[in-house]
N, C-alpha and C. Protein backbone atom coordinates (compact mmCIF):
# COMPACT_ATOMS: atom_id res chain seq x y z
N MET A 1 29.91 -14.66 -8.69
CA MET A 1 31.28 -13.79 -9.47
C MET A 1 31.74 -12.83 -8.41
N LYS A 2 30.51 -12.03 -8.06
CA LYS A 2 30.88 -10.96 -7.15
C LYS A 2 31.71 -11.37 -5.91
N ILE A 3 31.68 -12.51 -5.21
CA ILE A 3 32.23 -13.01 -4.09
C ILE A 3 33.79 -13.07 -4.72
N LYS A 4 33.66 -13.56 -5.96
CA LYS A 4 35.51 -14.03 -6.54
C LYS A 4 36.13 -12.70 -6.81
N GLN A 5 35.41 -11.70 -6.89
CA GLN A 5 36.07 -10.38 -7.60
C GLN A 5 36.30 -9.60 -6.03
N VAL A 6 35.54 -9.70 -5.07
CA VAL A 6 35.88 -9.12 -3.93
C VAL A 6 37.11 -9.91 -3.38
N LEU A 7 37.19 -11.21 -3.28
CA LEU A 7 38.38 -12.09 -2.74
C LEU A 7 39.66 -11.70 -3.48
N PHE A 8 39.43 -11.64 -5.09
CA PHE A 8 40.66 -11.20 -5.78
C PHE A 8 41.08 -9.76 -5.37
N ALA A 9 40.23 -8.92 -5.13
CA ALA A 9 40.63 -7.51 -4.83
C ALA A 9 41.04 -7.53 -3.38
N THR A 10 41.08 -8.20 -2.59
CA THR A 10 41.49 -8.47 -1.43
C THR A 10 42.72 -8.86 -1.52
N LEU A 11 42.96 -9.97 -1.98
CA LEU A 11 44.25 -10.49 -2.22
C LEU A 11 45.37 -9.64 -2.97
N VAL A 12 44.81 -8.86 -4.11
CA VAL A 12 45.76 -7.95 -4.65
C VAL A 12 46.13 -6.91 -3.90
N LEU A 13 45.17 -6.42 -3.02
CA LEU A 13 45.50 -5.45 -2.07
C LEU A 13 46.36 -5.76 -1.14
N GLY A 14 46.34 -7.13 -0.60
CA GLY A 14 47.05 -7.40 0.55
C GLY A 14 48.40 -7.73 -0.01
N VAL A 15 48.52 -8.13 -1.21
CA VAL A 15 49.68 -8.32 -1.77
C VAL A 15 50.71 -7.25 -1.86
N ALA A 16 50.06 -6.40 -2.78
CA ALA A 16 50.70 -5.02 -2.97
C ALA A 16 50.83 -3.93 -1.93
N THR A 17 50.07 -4.25 -0.71
CA THR A 17 50.20 -3.41 0.52
C THR A 17 51.75 -4.00 1.22
N GLY A 18 52.23 -5.06 1.01
CA GLY A 18 53.46 -5.50 1.66
C GLY A 18 54.40 -4.52 0.59
N ALA A 19 54.27 -4.53 -0.73
CA ALA A 19 55.13 -4.00 -1.90
C ALA A 19 55.17 -2.51 -1.48
N SER A 20 53.99 -1.88 -0.92
CA SER A 20 54.19 -0.43 -0.94
C SER A 20 54.73 0.02 0.39
N ALA A 21 54.74 -1.06 1.60
CA ALA A 21 55.16 -0.60 2.54
C ALA A 21 56.81 -0.27 2.45
N GLN A 22 57.47 -0.81 1.39
CA GLN A 22 58.37 -0.35 0.96
C GLN A 22 59.16 1.08 0.60
N MET A 23 57.90 1.53 -0.17
CA MET A 23 57.90 2.68 -0.76
C MET A 23 57.69 3.73 0.21
N LYS A 24 58.18 5.33 -0.42
CA LYS A 24 58.18 6.17 0.24
C LYS A 24 56.93 6.62 0.00
N PRO A 25 56.01 7.51 0.92
CA PRO A 25 54.77 8.26 0.52
C PRO A 25 54.85 9.12 -0.57
N GLU A 26 55.78 9.62 -0.94
CA GLU A 26 55.89 10.69 -2.17
C GLU A 26 55.96 9.74 -3.37
N ASP A 27 56.60 8.42 -3.29
CA ASP A 27 56.70 7.65 -4.36
C ASP A 27 55.06 7.04 -4.60
N GLN A 28 54.63 6.76 -3.52
CA GLN A 28 53.19 6.15 -3.81
C GLN A 28 52.24 6.97 -4.71
N ILE A 29 52.27 8.26 -4.18
CA ILE A 29 51.58 9.29 -4.60
C ILE A 29 52.17 9.88 -6.03
N LYS A 30 53.42 9.67 -6.47
CA LYS A 30 53.65 9.70 -7.83
C LYS A 30 53.08 8.38 -8.50
N PHE A 31 53.41 7.21 -8.02
CA PHE A 31 53.00 6.36 -8.98
C PHE A 31 51.68 6.08 -9.24
N ARG A 32 50.66 6.41 -8.00
CA ARG A 32 49.28 6.25 -8.38
C ARG A 32 48.61 7.60 -9.20
N LYS A 33 49.13 8.63 -8.93
CA LYS A 33 49.16 9.57 -9.90
C LYS A 33 49.16 9.41 -11.27
N ALA A 34 50.40 8.51 -11.68
CA ALA A 34 50.77 8.08 -12.99
C ALA A 34 49.77 6.96 -13.44
N GLY A 35 49.40 6.27 -12.70
CA GLY A 35 48.61 5.10 -12.88
C GLY A 35 47.22 5.84 -13.82
N TYR A 36 46.71 6.73 -12.61
CA TYR A 36 45.38 7.41 -13.19
C TYR A 36 45.59 8.12 -14.24
N ALA A 37 46.82 9.01 -14.50
CA ALA A 37 46.74 10.03 -15.68
C ALA A 37 46.90 8.73 -17.13
N PHE A 38 47.73 7.64 -17.02
CA PHE A 38 47.51 6.73 -17.94
C PHE A 38 46.14 6.23 -18.14
N MET A 39 45.69 5.84 -17.36
CA MET A 39 44.23 5.34 -17.58
C MET A 39 43.27 6.46 -18.19
N SER A 40 43.35 7.81 -17.80
CA SER A 40 42.67 8.63 -18.33
C SER A 40 43.09 8.64 -19.89
N TRP A 41 44.19 9.11 -20.29
CA TRP A 41 44.71 9.08 -21.47
C TRP A 41 43.99 8.15 -22.34
N ASN A 42 43.94 6.83 -21.79
CA ASN A 42 43.45 5.87 -22.47
C ASN A 42 41.80 5.78 -22.81
N MET A 43 41.06 6.38 -21.40
CA MET A 43 39.88 6.77 -21.71
C MET A 43 39.51 7.55 -22.63
N GLY A 44 40.48 8.63 -22.86
CA GLY A 44 40.13 10.02 -23.86
C GLY A 44 40.44 9.13 -25.09
N LYS A 45 41.18 8.02 -25.53
CA LYS A 45 41.34 7.89 -26.66
C LYS A 45 39.90 6.85 -27.24
N ILE A 46 39.32 6.31 -26.15
CA ILE A 46 38.20 5.52 -26.60
C ILE A 46 36.72 6.73 -26.67
N LYS A 47 36.87 7.73 -25.84
CA LYS A 47 35.80 8.68 -25.86
C LYS A 47 36.12 9.15 -27.34
N ALA A 48 37.07 9.72 -27.71
CA ALA A 48 37.56 10.17 -29.16
C ALA A 48 37.16 9.34 -30.06
N GLN A 49 37.12 7.95 -30.06
CA GLN A 49 36.60 6.97 -31.18
C GLN A 49 35.35 6.69 -30.96
N THR A 50 34.56 6.84 -29.96
CA THR A 50 33.02 6.25 -30.02
C THR A 50 31.78 7.33 -29.93
N ILE A 51 32.56 8.63 -29.28
CA ILE A 51 31.75 9.57 -28.99
C ILE A 51 31.93 10.86 -29.76
N ASP A 52 32.97 11.55 -29.74
CA ASP A 52 33.62 12.65 -30.14
C ASP A 52 33.49 12.31 -31.94
N ASN A 53 34.17 11.39 -32.56
CA ASN A 53 34.30 11.17 -33.66
C ASN A 53 34.27 9.69 -34.02
N PRO A 54 33.20 9.45 -34.04
CA PRO A 54 32.85 7.77 -34.41
C PRO A 54 33.48 7.52 -35.71
N SER A 55 33.72 8.33 -36.62
CA SER A 55 34.27 7.82 -37.84
C SER A 55 35.60 7.40 -37.73
N SER A 56 36.13 7.92 -36.65
CA SER A 56 37.65 7.46 -36.51
C SER A 56 37.72 6.07 -35.76
N PHE A 57 36.46 5.58 -35.68
CA PHE A 57 36.65 4.26 -34.70
C PHE A 57 37.75 2.93 -35.27
N ASN A 58 38.59 2.57 -34.25
CA ASN A 58 39.45 1.86 -34.77
C ASN A 58 39.24 0.60 -33.76
N LYS A 59 38.74 -0.50 -34.11
CA LYS A 59 38.62 -1.72 -33.23
C LYS A 59 39.87 -1.82 -32.36
N ASP A 60 40.87 -2.27 -32.99
CA ASP A 60 41.91 -2.54 -32.48
C ASP A 60 42.85 -1.51 -31.24
N GLN A 61 42.60 -0.04 -31.44
CA GLN A 61 43.17 0.82 -30.64
C GLN A 61 42.28 0.66 -29.72
N VAL A 62 40.89 0.74 -29.99
CA VAL A 62 40.03 0.82 -28.63
C VAL A 62 40.52 -0.48 -27.68
N LEU A 63 40.40 -1.57 -28.30
CA LEU A 63 40.68 -2.76 -27.49
C LEU A 63 42.20 -2.57 -26.86
N ALA A 64 43.03 -2.18 -27.57
CA ALA A 64 44.23 -1.59 -26.54
C ALA A 64 44.26 -0.82 -25.48
N ALA A 65 43.46 0.23 -25.57
CA ALA A 65 43.12 1.37 -24.51
C ALA A 65 42.32 0.42 -23.65
N ALA A 66 41.36 -0.18 -23.60
CA ALA A 66 40.44 -0.87 -22.81
C ALA A 66 41.22 -2.10 -21.98
N THR A 67 41.95 -2.62 -22.88
CA THR A 67 43.04 -3.53 -21.89
C THR A 67 43.82 -2.76 -21.05
N VAL A 68 44.58 -1.92 -21.57
CA VAL A 68 45.30 -0.76 -20.34
C VAL A 68 44.51 -0.42 -19.30
N ILE A 69 43.42 -0.01 -19.66
CA ILE A 69 42.47 0.36 -18.19
C ILE A 69 41.98 -0.68 -17.43
N ALA A 70 41.70 -1.69 -17.98
CA ALA A 70 41.47 -2.97 -17.19
C ALA A 70 42.83 -3.55 -16.42
N ALA A 71 44.11 -3.48 -17.02
CA ALA A 71 45.48 -4.19 -16.30
C ALA A 71 45.51 -3.00 -15.46
N THR A 72 45.12 -1.68 -15.47
CA THR A 72 45.69 -0.76 -14.39
C THR A 72 44.54 -1.10 -13.27
N ALA A 73 43.30 -1.21 -13.53
CA ALA A 73 42.20 -1.19 -12.40
C ALA A 73 42.57 -2.53 -11.69
N ASN A 74 43.36 -3.32 -12.38
CA ASN A 74 43.55 -4.83 -11.39
C ASN A 74 44.83 -4.75 -11.08
N SER A 75 45.69 -3.82 -10.96
CA SER A 75 47.05 -3.93 -10.51
C SER A 75 47.27 -3.64 -9.15
N GLY A 76 46.34 -3.25 -8.30
CA GLY A 76 46.39 -3.19 -6.95
C GLY A 76 46.83 -1.65 -6.70
N MET A 77 46.30 -1.01 -7.32
CA MET A 77 46.31 0.52 -6.98
C MET A 77 46.14 1.11 -5.66
N GLY A 78 45.48 0.04 -5.07
CA GLY A 78 44.67 0.63 -3.68
C GLY A 78 45.83 0.77 -2.74
N ALA A 79 47.14 -0.39 -2.76
CA ALA A 79 48.13 -0.08 -2.21
C ALA A 79 48.97 1.01 -2.05
N LEU A 80 48.70 1.77 -3.26
CA LEU A 80 49.49 2.97 -3.28
C LEU A 80 48.87 4.07 -2.37
N TYR A 81 48.07 3.87 -1.61
CA TYR A 81 47.43 4.74 -0.76
C TYR A 81 47.55 4.45 0.70
N GLY A 82 48.76 4.42 1.11
CA GLY A 82 49.43 3.81 2.46
C GLY A 82 49.70 5.07 3.04
N ALA A 83 50.26 4.95 4.45
CA ALA A 83 50.55 6.02 5.41
C ALA A 83 51.38 6.79 4.93
N GLY A 84 50.69 7.98 5.41
CA GLY A 84 51.66 9.19 4.83
C GLY A 84 50.97 9.79 3.39
N THR A 85 50.38 9.33 2.77
CA THR A 85 49.56 9.64 1.59
C THR A 85 48.56 10.29 1.53
N ASP A 86 48.00 10.51 2.44
CA ASP A 86 46.55 11.28 3.13
C ASP A 86 46.91 12.74 2.67
N LYS A 87 48.14 13.11 2.63
CA LYS A 87 48.47 14.60 2.32
C LYS A 87 49.46 14.84 1.54
N ASP A 88 49.89 16.08 0.92
CA ASP A 88 51.12 16.08 0.45
C ASP A 88 52.17 15.52 0.79
N ALA A 89 53.14 15.10 0.10
CA ALA A 89 54.49 14.48 0.67
C ALA A 89 55.77 14.83 -0.19
N GLY A 90 56.56 15.11 0.04
CA GLY A 90 58.12 15.50 -0.67
C GLY A 90 57.39 16.35 -1.61
N ASN A 91 57.82 16.32 -2.75
CA ASN A 91 57.56 17.49 -3.92
C ASN A 91 56.09 16.73 -4.55
N GLN A 92 55.43 15.87 -3.80
CA GLN A 92 54.20 15.08 -4.39
C GLN A 92 53.23 15.97 -3.89
N LYS A 93 52.22 16.51 -4.95
CA LYS A 93 50.64 16.90 -4.26
C LYS A 93 49.50 15.65 -4.49
N THR A 94 48.56 15.53 -3.32
CA THR A 94 47.54 14.84 -3.58
C THR A 94 46.19 15.21 -3.88
N ARG A 95 45.33 14.82 -4.42
CA ARG A 95 43.78 15.36 -4.33
C ARG A 95 43.04 14.70 -3.51
N VAL A 96 43.55 13.92 -3.01
CA VAL A 96 42.80 12.77 -1.88
C VAL A 96 41.79 13.49 -0.83
N LYS A 97 40.89 13.23 -0.69
CA LYS A 97 40.23 13.92 0.73
C LYS A 97 40.49 13.03 1.74
N PRO A 98 40.62 13.58 2.86
CA PRO A 98 40.76 12.47 4.25
C PRO A 98 39.63 11.25 4.51
N GLU A 99 38.42 11.71 4.11
CA GLU A 99 37.48 10.73 4.04
C GLU A 99 37.80 9.32 3.30
N PHE A 100 38.68 9.53 2.27
CA PHE A 100 39.33 8.25 1.42
C PHE A 100 39.83 7.32 2.74
N PHE A 101 40.35 7.82 3.73
CA PHE A 101 41.20 6.84 4.51
C PHE A 101 40.09 6.65 5.97
N GLN A 102 39.36 7.17 5.95
CA GLN A 102 38.29 6.92 6.91
C GLN A 102 36.92 6.17 6.53
N GLN A 103 36.76 5.88 5.34
CA GLN A 103 35.68 5.20 4.98
C GLN A 103 35.96 4.11 4.24
N GLN A 104 36.93 3.08 4.57
CA GLN A 104 37.39 2.29 3.82
C GLN A 104 36.39 1.10 3.00
N ASP A 105 35.05 0.97 3.69
CA ASP A 105 34.15 -0.10 3.22
C ASP A 105 33.77 0.75 1.98
N GLU A 106 33.33 2.26 2.11
CA GLU A 106 32.91 2.70 0.90
C GLU A 106 33.90 2.75 -0.29
N VAL A 107 35.07 2.96 0.14
CA VAL A 107 36.32 2.88 -0.74
C VAL A 107 36.33 1.57 -1.43
N ARG A 108 36.24 0.73 -0.83
CA ARG A 108 36.28 -1.06 -1.20
C ARG A 108 35.11 -1.18 -2.18
N LYS A 109 33.97 -0.58 -1.92
CA LYS A 109 32.44 -1.04 -2.67
C LYS A 109 32.71 0.01 -4.07
N LEU A 110 33.27 1.04 -3.98
CA LEU A 110 33.81 1.79 -5.19
C LEU A 110 34.89 1.19 -6.01
N ALA A 111 35.91 0.68 -5.47
CA ALA A 111 36.83 0.34 -6.10
C ALA A 111 36.48 -1.13 -6.80
N VAL A 112 35.69 -1.96 -6.12
CA VAL A 112 35.20 -3.39 -6.81
C VAL A 112 34.42 -2.89 -7.91
N ALA A 113 33.52 -1.70 -7.77
CA ALA A 113 32.67 -1.72 -9.01
C ALA A 113 33.32 -0.91 -10.19
N PHE A 114 34.45 -0.17 -9.63
CA PHE A 114 35.29 0.04 -10.96
C PHE A 114 36.16 -1.08 -11.67
N VAL A 115 36.54 -1.97 -11.02
CA VAL A 115 37.35 -3.17 -11.43
C VAL A 115 36.53 -3.98 -12.59
N LYS A 116 35.08 -4.04 -11.79
CA LYS A 116 34.13 -5.23 -12.76
C LYS A 116 33.82 -3.87 -14.06
N GLU A 117 33.62 -2.93 -14.00
CA GLU A 117 33.30 -2.22 -15.43
C GLU A 117 34.66 -1.90 -15.93
N ALA A 118 35.51 -1.88 -15.64
CA ALA A 118 36.85 -1.51 -16.53
C ALA A 118 37.07 -2.99 -17.04
N ASN A 119 36.77 -3.95 -16.30
CA ASN A 119 36.74 -5.58 -16.79
C ASN A 119 35.96 -6.05 -18.04
N GLU A 120 34.59 -5.46 -17.76
CA GLU A 120 33.45 -5.18 -18.78
C GLU A 120 33.97 -4.41 -20.32
N LEU A 121 34.49 -3.27 -19.59
CA LEU A 121 35.03 -2.61 -21.03
C LEU A 121 35.84 -3.30 -21.66
N GLN A 122 37.00 -4.29 -21.12
CA GLN A 122 37.83 -4.87 -22.11
C GLN A 122 37.04 -5.89 -22.83
N LYS A 123 36.27 -6.82 -22.36
CA LYS A 123 35.56 -7.37 -22.91
C LYS A 123 34.59 -7.07 -23.85
N VAL A 124 34.04 -5.89 -23.61
CA VAL A 124 33.19 -5.31 -24.74
C VAL A 124 33.95 -5.07 -25.88
N ALA A 125 34.80 -4.38 -25.58
CA ALA A 125 35.86 -3.85 -26.63
C ALA A 125 36.16 -5.09 -27.45
N ALA A 126 36.59 -6.18 -26.72
CA ALA A 126 37.28 -7.17 -27.87
C ALA A 126 36.11 -7.66 -28.93
N THR A 127 34.79 -7.21 -28.59
CA THR A 127 33.56 -7.55 -29.61
C THR A 127 33.98 -6.70 -30.85
N GLY A 128 34.33 -5.39 -30.82
CA GLY A 128 34.61 -4.52 -31.75
C GLY A 128 33.37 -3.90 -32.14
N ASP A 129 31.99 -3.93 -31.43
CA ASP A 129 30.95 -3.34 -31.58
C ASP A 129 30.88 -2.01 -31.07
N ALA A 130 31.11 -0.87 -31.81
CA ALA A 130 31.15 0.69 -31.08
C ALA A 130 30.08 0.92 -30.37
N GLY A 131 29.01 0.70 -30.59
CA GLY A 131 27.72 1.09 -29.94
C GLY A 131 28.01 0.41 -28.66
N ALA A 132 28.24 -0.85 -28.18
CA ALA A 132 28.33 -1.28 -27.06
C ALA A 132 29.19 -0.90 -26.48
N ILE A 133 30.22 -0.62 -26.81
CA ILE A 133 31.62 -0.16 -26.18
C ILE A 133 31.05 1.60 -25.70
N LYS A 134 30.58 2.01 -26.66
CA LYS A 134 30.22 3.60 -25.92
C LYS A 134 29.48 3.30 -24.99
N VAL A 135 28.33 2.24 -24.84
CA VAL A 135 27.57 2.25 -23.66
C VAL A 135 28.26 1.95 -22.35
N GLN A 136 29.40 0.83 -22.48
CA GLN A 136 29.68 0.47 -21.52
C GLN A 136 31.39 1.39 -21.04
N PHE A 137 31.68 2.33 -21.83
CA PHE A 137 32.40 3.28 -21.68
C PHE A 137 31.70 4.15 -20.81
N GLY A 138 30.50 4.49 -20.81
CA GLY A 138 29.61 5.44 -20.10
C GLY A 138 29.89 4.88 -18.65
N LYS A 139 29.46 3.53 -18.59
CA LYS A 139 29.57 2.84 -17.22
C LYS A 139 30.72 2.95 -16.76
N THR A 140 31.66 2.68 -17.11
CA THR A 140 33.16 2.63 -16.75
C THR A 140 33.32 4.05 -16.27
N GLY A 141 33.03 5.23 -16.77
CA GLY A 141 33.49 6.15 -16.44
C GLY A 141 32.36 6.98 -15.40
N GLU A 142 31.16 6.56 -15.50
CA GLU A 142 30.47 6.83 -14.37
C GLU A 142 31.11 5.93 -12.79
N SER A 143 31.97 4.89 -13.15
CA SER A 143 32.47 4.31 -11.95
C SER A 143 33.44 5.32 -11.45
N CYS A 144 34.23 5.81 -12.17
CA CYS A 144 35.44 6.33 -11.97
C CYS A 144 34.91 8.04 -11.20
N LYS A 145 33.69 8.54 -11.82
CA LYS A 145 33.18 9.74 -11.11
C LYS A 145 32.78 9.33 -9.91
N ALA A 146 31.85 8.31 -9.61
CA ALA A 146 31.66 7.88 -8.50
C ALA A 146 32.70 8.26 -7.39
N CYS A 147 33.76 7.41 -7.40
CA CYS A 147 34.86 8.01 -6.70
C CYS A 147 35.27 9.23 -6.41
N HIS A 148 35.64 9.91 -7.83
CA HIS A 148 35.97 11.28 -7.72
C HIS A 148 35.04 12.01 -6.92
N ASP A 149 33.65 11.99 -7.12
CA ASP A 149 32.78 12.86 -6.43
C ASP A 149 32.89 12.69 -4.89
N LYS A 150 33.20 11.68 -4.51
CA LYS A 150 33.27 11.34 -3.32
C LYS A 150 34.55 11.76 -2.43
N PHE A 151 35.85 11.15 -3.03
CA PHE A 151 37.15 11.27 -2.25
C PHE A 151 38.14 12.15 -3.25
N ARG A 152 37.98 12.95 -4.00
CA ARG A 152 38.66 13.48 -4.80
C ARG A 152 38.60 15.03 -4.56
N LYS A 153 39.69 15.85 -4.52
CA LYS A 153 39.33 17.55 -3.96
C LYS A 153 39.53 17.81 -5.21
N ASP A 154 38.76 18.97 -5.48
CA ASP A 154 38.65 19.95 -6.71
C ASP A 154 40.15 20.59 -6.83
N GLU A 155 40.52 21.13 -7.86
CA GLU A 155 42.08 21.37 -8.03
C GLU A 155 42.00 22.76 -7.69
């Protein structure tokens, strides 16, 4: 299964890289920030319903949020880190550290781990088991944090 995930991630990145070559660096930064913001909003919805206020748990809303997270994780966001996006471009600011562009093997490892956890979150959310979703939400969040800790500048 792991080999399939790596091959799929490589294929998605390769196809998406061709498309991103057509985009200006500031547009790549704008779109990746939008994707991460949308995932964050949906992570917040799951957190609110499984951790902050479990009595508000709505399995359909949680599944919808988990589906968005998995879809975004699988969308080829890596292609939005093209040439010129290692620094601010146009009116778009970036918080990515230069190491992101220098440590591609580590980036790939973290990206594959995030996609795996996001896909598992969607799968677990489909069961409607709030406790299991909470556990998988934590694993998905940790995979986000691993990349942030290593490759994102503080504001």
